[in-house]
Amino acid sequence: MLYQFNIMRMAHPKHSEVMQPFFSQVDAVNRLAIESNGFIWRPTDDSDPVIQSRLGTDVLVNLSAWESIDTLYGFVFNPRHRAVMVSKDRWFEDTGKANSVLWSEDTLTLANPEWSEAIDRLESLWRLGPTEYAFDFAWALQNDLTRQPAWDVFSTDS
């Protein structure tokens, strides 16, 4: 099983007119994830005070579990999700750091990770670079955790 956690630092106040086009798509993208092949779990409440105390009030977070990195790729490169991400520079700042971290678990644990664990893993990626504890898509590809590069998942060439 694969967990993914990502953060995005908002470039504008959450309730500003500039952010509304992004927020108007959130429910549809979350529904797309839930309906995607290989999706396992995502928390429905991101109001944990740990998030704000460790990352700030201007950060949006996402945490989910997938059967494999390949099923996560299927969602990430879905045209609906990609359309939102192509426009992310309108709404979010480039922090100069990784905004996403992945980690694997051999089996489904009885308890899904807490927000604090997800933040710990992202901070580990920032400090140490990719390791088995906390890695990114490129490291997963280099270490044969995926069957194919992301850009081949939706290739129309046969």
Protein backbone atom coordinates (compact mmCIF):
# COMPACT_ATOMS: atom_id res chain seq x y z
CA MET A 1 0.00 0.00 0.00
CA LEU A 2 1.12 3.52 -0.73
CA TYR A 3 0.38 6.70 1.20
CA GLN A 4 0.69 10.16 -0.32
CA PHE A 5 0.64 13.51 1.42
CA ASN A 6 0.84 16.87 -0.27
CA ILE A 7 0.64 20.49 0.73
CA MET A 8 0.01 23.65 -1.24
CA ARG A 9 0.70 27.13 0.13
CA MET A 10 -2.07 29.48 -0.99
CA ALA A 11 -0.92 32.61 -2.82
CA HIS A 12 -4.13 34.44 -1.86
CA PRO A 13 -6.50 34.40 1.12
CA LYS A 14 -8.70 31.31 1.17
CA HIS A 15 -11.97 33.21 0.74
CA SER A 16 -10.69 35.61 -1.91
CA GLU A 17 -12.30 35.77 -5.33
CA VAL A 18 -9.04 34.55 -6.91
CA MET A 19 -9.20 31.25 -4.98
CA GLN A 20 -12.84 30.45 -5.75
CA PRO A 21 -12.15 28.77 -9.15
CA PHE A 22 -9.87 26.33 -7.33
CA PHE A 23 -12.27 25.62 -4.46
CA SER A 24 -15.16 25.15 -6.89
CA GLN A 25 -13.33 22.08 -8.26
CA VAL A 26 -12.23 20.44 -5.00
CA ASP A 27 -15.31 18.28 -4.46
CA ALA A 28 -15.22 16.95 -8.04
CA VAL A 29 -11.51 16.10 -7.81
CA ASN A 30 -11.99 14.39 -4.43
CA ARG A 31 -14.89 12.39 -5.89
CA LEU A 32 -12.67 11.44 -8.85
CA ALA A 33 -10.02 10.16 -6.43
CA ILE A 34 -12.51 8.12 -4.42
CA GLU A 35 -13.90 6.57 -7.59
CA SER A 36 -10.44 5.84 -9.04
CA ASN A 37 -9.07 2.34 -9.39
CA GLY A 38 -6.83 1.52 -6.43
CA PHE A 39 -8.07 4.25 -4.10
CA ILE A 40 -8.27 3.05 -0.48
CA TRP A 41 -8.74 5.94 1.94
CA ARG A 42 -8.54 9.66 2.59
CA PRO A 43 -9.42 11.61 5.74
CA THR A 44 -12.49 13.77 5.43
CA ASP A 45 -11.46 16.29 8.10
CA ASP A 46 -8.38 18.42 7.59
CA SER A 47 -9.06 20.78 10.51
CA ASP A 48 -6.55 19.13 12.87
CA PRO A 49 -4.73 21.91 14.78
CA VAL A 50 -1.43 20.06 14.15
CA ILE A 51 -1.62 21.12 10.50
CA GLN A 52 -1.89 24.83 11.28
CA SER A 53 0.63 24.76 14.12
CA ARG A 54 3.29 22.99 12.03
CA LEU A 55 2.60 24.26 8.50
CA GLY A 56 0.70 27.53 8.93
CA THR A 57 -2.80 28.74 8.21
CA ASP A 58 -2.22 29.36 4.50
CA VAL A 59 -1.57 25.70 3.60
CA LEU A 60 -4.00 23.18 2.12
CA VAL A 61 -3.26 19.50 2.72
CA ASN A 62 -4.22 16.18 1.20
CA LEU A 63 -3.53 12.69 2.52
CA SER A 64 -4.60 9.45 0.87
CA ALA A 65 -3.85 5.74 0.59
CA TRP A 66 -3.62 3.76 -2.66
CA GLU A 67 -3.13 0.11 -3.60
CA SER A 68 0.09 1.01 -5.44
CA ILE A 69 2.01 3.85 -6.95
CA ASP A 70 0.66 2.86 -10.35
CA THR A 71 -2.94 3.35 -9.21
CA LEU A 72 -1.97 6.73 -7.73
CA TYR A 73 -0.39 7.64 -11.09
CA GLY A 74 -3.69 6.76 -12.74
CA PHE A 75 -5.42 9.40 -10.65
CA VAL A 76 -2.68 12.04 -10.82
CA PHE A 77 -2.54 11.88 -14.61
CA ASN A 78 -6.31 11.68 -15.10
CA PRO A 79 -7.22 14.59 -17.43
CA ARG A 80 -9.65 16.08 -14.86
CA HIS A 81 -7.01 16.18 -12.11
CA ARG A 82 -4.30 17.35 -14.51
CA ALA A 83 -6.48 20.26 -15.69
CA VAL A 84 -6.63 21.60 -12.13
CA MET A 85 -2.92 21.06 -11.49
CA VAL A 86 -1.88 22.80 -14.72
CA SER A 87 -3.49 25.95 -13.32
CA LYS A 88 -2.04 25.66 -9.81
CA ASP A 89 0.34 28.62 -10.27
CA ARG A 90 -2.69 30.92 -10.24
CA TRP A 91 -3.58 29.85 -6.72
CA PHE A 92 -0.46 28.50 -5.00
CA GLU A 93 3.09 29.63 -4.27
CA ASP A 94 6.20 27.74 -5.28
CA THR A 95 7.95 27.18 -1.95
CA GLY A 96 11.14 25.83 -3.50
CA LYS A 97 10.61 22.55 -1.60
CA ALA A 98 8.87 19.31 -2.39
CA ASN A 99 5.14 19.65 -1.80
CA SER A 100 4.42 15.92 -1.94
CA VAL A 101 5.76 12.86 -0.17
CA LEU A 102 5.08 9.15 -0.62
CA TRP A 103 5.70 6.15 1.61
CA SER A 104 4.92 2.46 1.44
CA GLU A 105 3.48 0.09 4.00
CA ASP A 106 3.65 -3.65 3.49
CA THR A 107 0.14 -4.16 4.80
CA LEU A 108 -2.87 -2.08 5.62
CA THR A 109 -2.31 -0.94 9.17
CA LEU A 110 -5.16 -0.95 11.64
CA ALA A 111 -4.91 2.81 11.96
CA ASN A 112 -4.29 5.17 9.08
CA PRO A 113 -1.54 7.75 9.56
CA GLU A 114 -2.18 10.86 11.59
CA TRP A 115 -1.51 14.28 10.10
CA SER A 116 1.58 14.58 12.31
CA GLU A 117 3.12 11.45 10.76
CA ALA A 118 2.46 12.75 7.25
CA ILE A 119 4.10 16.08 8.11
CA ASP A 120 7.06 14.23 9.71
CA ARG A 121 7.58 12.32 6.46
CA LEU A 122 7.44 15.45 4.32
CA GLU A 123 9.90 17.20 6.62
CA SER A 124 12.18 14.14 6.39
CA LEU A 125 12.10 14.42 2.60
CA TRP A 126 13.04 18.09 2.91
CA ARG A 127 15.94 17.38 5.29
CA LEU A 128 17.36 14.12 3.96
CA GLY A 129 16.09 13.84 0.41
CA PRO A 130 14.29 10.70 -0.75
CA THR A 131 14.69 7.55 1.34
CA GLU A 132 12.57 4.45 1.91
CA TYR A 133 10.94 6.33 4.79
CA ALA A 134 9.85 9.30 2.63
CA PHE A 135 10.23 9.55 -1.14
CA ASP A 136 8.96 11.24 -4.28
CA PHE A 137 7.77 9.97 -7.66
CA ALA A 138 11.24 10.19 -9.24
CA TRP A 139 12.80 8.08 -6.47
CA ALA A 140 9.99 5.53 -6.79
CA LEU A 141 10.69 5.21 -10.50
CA GLN A 142 14.46 4.91 -9.97
CA ASN A 143 13.90 2.20 -7.37
CA ASP A 144 11.49 0.12 -9.45
CA LEU A 145 8.46 0.77 -7.24
CA THR A 146 6.39 1.44 -10.35
CA ARG A 147 5.92 -0.59 -13.49
CA GLN A 148 6.16 2.36 -15.85
CA PRO A 149 7.00 6.05 -15.94
CA ALA A 150 4.06 8.36 -15.30
CA TRP A 151 4.18 9.77 -18.79
CA ASP A 152 3.54 6.27 -20.22
CA VAL A 153 0.47 5.52 -18.10
CA PHE A 154 -1.89 7.26 -20.49
CA SER A 155 0.10 6.88 -23.67
CA THR A 156 -2.00 6.50 -26.78
CA ASP A 157 0.82 4.82 -28.69
CA SER A 158 0.42 1.08 -29.02
